[in-house]
N, C-alpha and C. Protein backbone atom coordinates (compact mmCIF):
# COMPACT_ATOMS: atom_id res chain seq x y z
N MET A 1 96.97 92.26 91.04
CA MET A 1 96.87 92.64 92.45
C MET A 1 96.86 94.16 92.58
N ALA A 2 96.02 94.67 93.46
CA ALA A 2 95.87 96.11 93.63
C ALA A 2 97.08 96.69 94.36
N ILE A 3 97.31 98.00 94.14
CA ILE A 3 98.36 98.71 94.82
C ILE A 3 97.79 100.02 95.36
N LYS A 4 98.21 100.35 96.60
CA LYS A 4 97.76 101.57 97.24
C LYS A 4 98.90 102.58 97.15
N ILE A 5 98.56 103.84 96.74
CA ILE A 5 99.55 104.86 96.47
C ILE A 5 99.29 106.07 97.37
N PHE A 6 100.36 106.57 98.01
CA PHE A 6 100.30 107.80 98.79
C PHE A 6 100.61 108.97 97.86
N VAL A 7 99.83 110.05 97.98
CA VAL A 7 100.03 111.25 97.20
C VAL A 7 100.12 112.43 98.16
N GLY A 8 101.26 113.04 98.24
CA GLY A 8 101.48 114.14 99.18
C GLY A 8 101.66 115.47 98.42
N ASN A 9 101.59 116.55 99.18
CA ASN A 9 101.74 117.91 98.71
C ASN A 9 100.66 118.35 97.70
N LEU A 10 99.44 117.81 97.96
CA LEU A 10 98.31 118.17 97.10
C LEU A 10 97.85 119.60 97.36
N PRO A 11 97.42 120.29 96.29
CA PRO A 11 96.78 121.59 96.51
C PRO A 11 95.53 121.36 97.41
N PHE A 12 95.26 122.30 98.31
CA PHE A 12 94.15 122.09 99.27
C PHE A 12 92.78 122.07 98.61
N ALA A 13 92.68 122.58 97.38
CA ALA A 13 91.39 122.60 96.66
C ALA A 13 91.11 121.29 95.90
N THR A 14 92.06 120.37 95.88
CA THR A 14 91.89 119.14 95.13
C THR A 14 90.84 118.24 95.80
N THR A 15 89.93 117.68 94.97
CA THR A 15 88.91 116.77 95.47
C THR A 15 89.32 115.33 95.22
N SER A 16 88.64 114.41 95.88
CA SER A 16 88.93 112.97 95.66
C SER A 16 88.68 112.61 94.18
N GLU A 17 87.64 113.16 93.59
CA GLU A 17 87.32 112.86 92.19
C GLU A 17 88.43 113.37 91.24
N GLU A 18 88.91 114.57 91.49
CA GLU A 18 90.00 115.10 90.66
C GLU A 18 91.27 114.26 90.79
N LEU A 19 91.56 113.81 91.99
CA LEU A 19 92.73 112.98 92.23
C LEU A 19 92.61 111.69 91.43
N GLY A 20 91.44 111.07 91.47
CA GLY A 20 91.20 109.86 90.69
C GLY A 20 91.36 110.07 89.19
N GLU A 21 90.91 111.20 88.69
CA GLU A 21 91.02 111.52 87.27
C GLU A 21 92.48 111.65 86.82
N VAL A 22 93.31 112.24 87.68
CA VAL A 22 94.74 112.37 87.34
C VAL A 22 95.39 110.98 87.18
N PHE A 23 95.03 110.06 88.09
CA PHE A 23 95.64 108.72 88.03
C PHE A 23 95.01 107.84 86.99
N SER A 24 93.80 108.11 86.58
CA SER A 24 93.10 107.20 85.60
C SER A 24 93.79 107.20 84.25
N ALA A 25 94.65 108.17 83.96
CA ALA A 25 95.41 108.18 82.72
C ALA A 25 96.41 107.02 82.67
N TYR A 26 96.70 106.41 83.81
CA TYR A 26 97.73 105.36 83.90
C TYR A 26 97.15 103.97 84.13
N GLY A 27 95.84 103.86 84.29
CA GLY A 27 95.22 102.56 84.54
C GLY A 27 93.93 102.71 85.32
N GLU A 28 93.34 101.56 85.64
CA GLU A 28 92.06 101.52 86.31
C GLU A 28 92.21 101.94 87.80
N VAL A 29 91.48 102.97 88.21
CA VAL A 29 91.49 103.44 89.58
C VAL A 29 90.35 102.79 90.33
N ILE A 30 90.66 102.10 91.42
CA ILE A 30 89.64 101.47 92.25
C ILE A 30 89.02 102.51 93.19
N SER A 31 89.88 103.31 93.83
CA SER A 31 89.37 104.34 94.74
C SER A 31 90.38 105.48 94.84
N SER A 32 89.88 106.65 95.19
CA SER A 32 90.76 107.79 95.47
C SER A 32 90.13 108.58 96.62
N LYS A 33 91.00 109.04 97.52
CA LYS A 33 90.52 109.74 98.72
C LYS A 33 91.51 110.82 99.14
N VAL A 34 91.01 112.06 99.24
CA VAL A 34 91.81 113.14 99.80
C VAL A 34 91.46 113.16 101.26
N VAL A 35 92.47 113.11 102.13
CA VAL A 35 92.27 113.07 103.57
C VAL A 35 91.92 114.47 104.08
N THR A 36 90.87 114.54 104.90
CA THR A 36 90.42 115.83 105.43
C THR A 36 90.53 115.86 106.93
N ASP A 37 90.63 117.06 107.48
CA ASP A 37 90.66 117.31 108.91
C ASP A 37 89.29 117.03 109.49
N ARG A 38 89.21 116.29 110.57
CA ARG A 38 87.93 115.95 111.17
C ARG A 38 87.17 117.17 111.69
N ALA A 39 87.88 118.10 112.27
CA ALA A 39 87.26 119.25 112.88
C ALA A 39 86.79 120.28 111.86
N THR A 40 87.61 120.54 110.87
CA THR A 40 87.28 121.63 109.92
C THR A 40 86.74 121.13 108.59
N GLY A 41 87.02 119.89 108.22
CA GLY A 41 86.59 119.36 106.92
C GLY A 41 87.47 119.77 105.76
N ARG A 42 88.55 120.54 106.08
CA ARG A 42 89.46 120.98 105.04
C ARG A 42 90.48 119.88 104.71
N SER A 43 90.97 119.92 103.47
CA SER A 43 91.98 118.95 103.04
C SER A 43 93.21 119.09 103.90
N ARG A 44 93.89 117.96 104.15
CA ARG A 44 95.14 118.00 104.90
C ARG A 44 96.34 117.98 103.95
N GLY A 45 96.09 118.01 102.63
CA GLY A 45 97.16 118.12 101.67
C GLY A 45 97.76 116.80 101.21
N PHE A 46 97.09 115.69 101.56
CA PHE A 46 97.54 114.40 101.06
C PHE A 46 96.35 113.48 100.86
N GLY A 47 96.61 112.39 100.14
CA GLY A 47 95.54 111.45 99.89
C GLY A 47 96.09 110.12 99.45
N PHE A 48 95.18 109.21 99.10
CA PHE A 48 95.53 107.87 98.68
C PHE A 48 94.76 107.49 97.44
N VAL A 49 95.42 106.71 96.57
CA VAL A 49 94.76 106.19 95.37
C VAL A 49 95.03 104.69 95.34
N GLU A 50 94.00 103.92 95.07
CA GLU A 50 94.19 102.49 94.93
C GLU A 50 93.96 102.15 93.48
N MET A 51 94.98 101.49 92.84
CA MET A 51 94.87 101.11 91.44
C MET A 51 94.78 99.62 91.30
N GLU A 52 94.14 99.18 90.20
CA GLU A 52 93.84 97.77 90.02
C GLU A 52 95.05 96.89 89.89
N THR A 53 96.08 97.35 89.15
CA THR A 53 97.25 96.49 88.95
C THR A 53 98.52 97.19 89.46
N THR A 54 99.47 96.39 89.90
CA THR A 54 100.76 96.91 90.35
C THR A 54 101.48 97.64 89.25
N GLU A 55 101.37 97.10 88.00
CA GLU A 55 102.05 97.70 86.85
C GLU A 55 101.52 99.12 86.60
N ALA A 56 100.21 99.28 86.64
CA ALA A 56 99.60 100.60 86.43
C ALA A 56 100.02 101.54 87.55
N GLY A 57 100.07 101.06 88.77
CA GLY A 57 100.45 101.86 89.92
C GLY A 57 101.87 102.34 89.82
N GLN A 58 102.77 101.41 89.44
CA GLN A 58 104.20 101.79 89.31
C GLN A 58 104.38 102.81 88.16
N SER A 59 103.61 102.63 87.09
CA SER A 59 103.67 103.57 86.01
C SER A 59 103.23 104.97 86.44
N ALA A 60 102.15 105.04 87.21
CA ALA A 60 101.65 106.29 87.73
C ALA A 60 102.65 106.95 88.68
N ILE A 61 103.24 106.13 89.54
CA ILE A 61 104.22 106.64 90.50
C ILE A 61 105.40 107.28 89.76
N SER A 62 105.93 106.54 88.77
CA SER A 62 107.08 107.05 87.99
C SER A 62 106.73 108.34 87.27
N ALA A 63 105.56 108.40 86.67
CA ALA A 63 105.17 109.55 85.87
C ALA A 63 104.76 110.76 86.70
N LEU A 64 104.13 110.55 87.86
CA LEU A 64 103.57 111.68 88.60
C LEU A 64 104.41 112.18 89.76
N ASN A 65 105.38 111.38 90.24
CA ASN A 65 106.22 111.87 91.34
C ASN A 65 107.01 113.07 90.91
N GLY A 66 106.84 114.18 91.59
CA GLY A 66 107.54 115.44 91.25
C GLY A 66 106.82 116.27 90.20
N SER A 67 105.73 115.75 89.62
CA SER A 67 104.99 116.53 88.61
C SER A 67 104.18 117.64 89.28
N ASP A 68 103.78 118.60 88.47
CA ASP A 68 103.07 119.78 88.98
C ASP A 68 101.54 119.55 88.94
N LEU A 69 100.89 119.87 90.01
CA LEU A 69 99.42 119.85 90.08
C LEU A 69 99.01 121.11 90.86
N GLY A 70 98.38 122.03 90.16
CA GLY A 70 97.93 123.27 90.79
C GLY A 70 99.06 124.08 91.39
N GLY A 71 100.24 124.04 90.75
CA GLY A 71 101.35 124.82 91.23
C GLY A 71 102.17 124.16 92.33
N ARG A 72 101.90 122.92 92.65
CA ARG A 72 102.62 122.20 93.69
C ARG A 72 103.23 120.93 93.14
N ALA A 73 104.47 120.61 93.53
CA ALA A 73 105.14 119.39 93.08
C ALA A 73 104.65 118.22 93.94
N LEU A 74 104.01 117.26 93.28
CA LEU A 74 103.47 116.11 94.02
C LEU A 74 104.53 115.17 94.51
N ARG A 75 104.28 114.56 95.64
CA ARG A 75 105.11 113.48 96.16
C ARG A 75 104.26 112.21 96.04
N VAL A 76 104.67 111.29 95.16
CA VAL A 76 103.90 110.09 94.91
C VAL A 76 104.77 108.88 95.21
N ASP A 77 104.25 107.98 96.04
CA ASP A 77 105.01 106.81 96.44
C ASP A 77 104.04 105.69 96.86
N GLU A 78 104.54 104.48 96.86
CA GLU A 78 103.71 103.37 97.34
C GLU A 78 103.39 103.58 98.82
N ALA A 79 102.13 103.40 99.18
CA ALA A 79 101.70 103.63 100.57
C ALA A 79 102.31 102.57 101.48
N LYS A 80 102.68 102.98 102.68
CA LYS A 80 103.21 102.06 103.67
C LYS A 80 102.09 101.72 104.66
N GLU A 81 102.24 100.56 105.27
CA GLU A 81 101.23 100.15 106.27
C GLU A 81 101.30 101.08 107.47
N ARG A 82 100.14 101.41 108.03
CA ARG A 82 100.13 102.24 109.25
C ARG A 82 100.62 101.43 110.44
N ARG A 83 101.39 102.11 111.29
CA ARG A 83 101.80 101.48 112.54
C ARG A 83 100.63 101.57 113.51
N PRO A 84 100.43 100.59 114.34
CA PRO A 84 99.33 100.65 115.30
C PRO A 84 99.53 101.79 116.29
N ARG A 85 98.43 102.48 116.63
CA ARG A 85 98.48 103.56 117.63
C ARG A 85 98.01 102.98 118.96
N TYR A 86 98.66 103.42 119.99
CA TYR A 86 98.30 102.92 121.34
C TYR A 86 97.60 103.95 122.15
């Protein structure tokens, strides 16, 4: 079963492809996306990675949470469901 992972405190220069490469060391990456600002197109400093198996995702979370990427300590955790906006 797939697992969706939140990645925070990303360097603003990080691309979706680079994010996927970092996580691919821990298992099969289904998708990776750095969230960008609609108006400016600049990174908002966080993103999401979807991995094929829960085991690979948990391994990546354990290994990468607090690790350094581009001089910034990553915050890596299992993604939570969005609350509906009204």
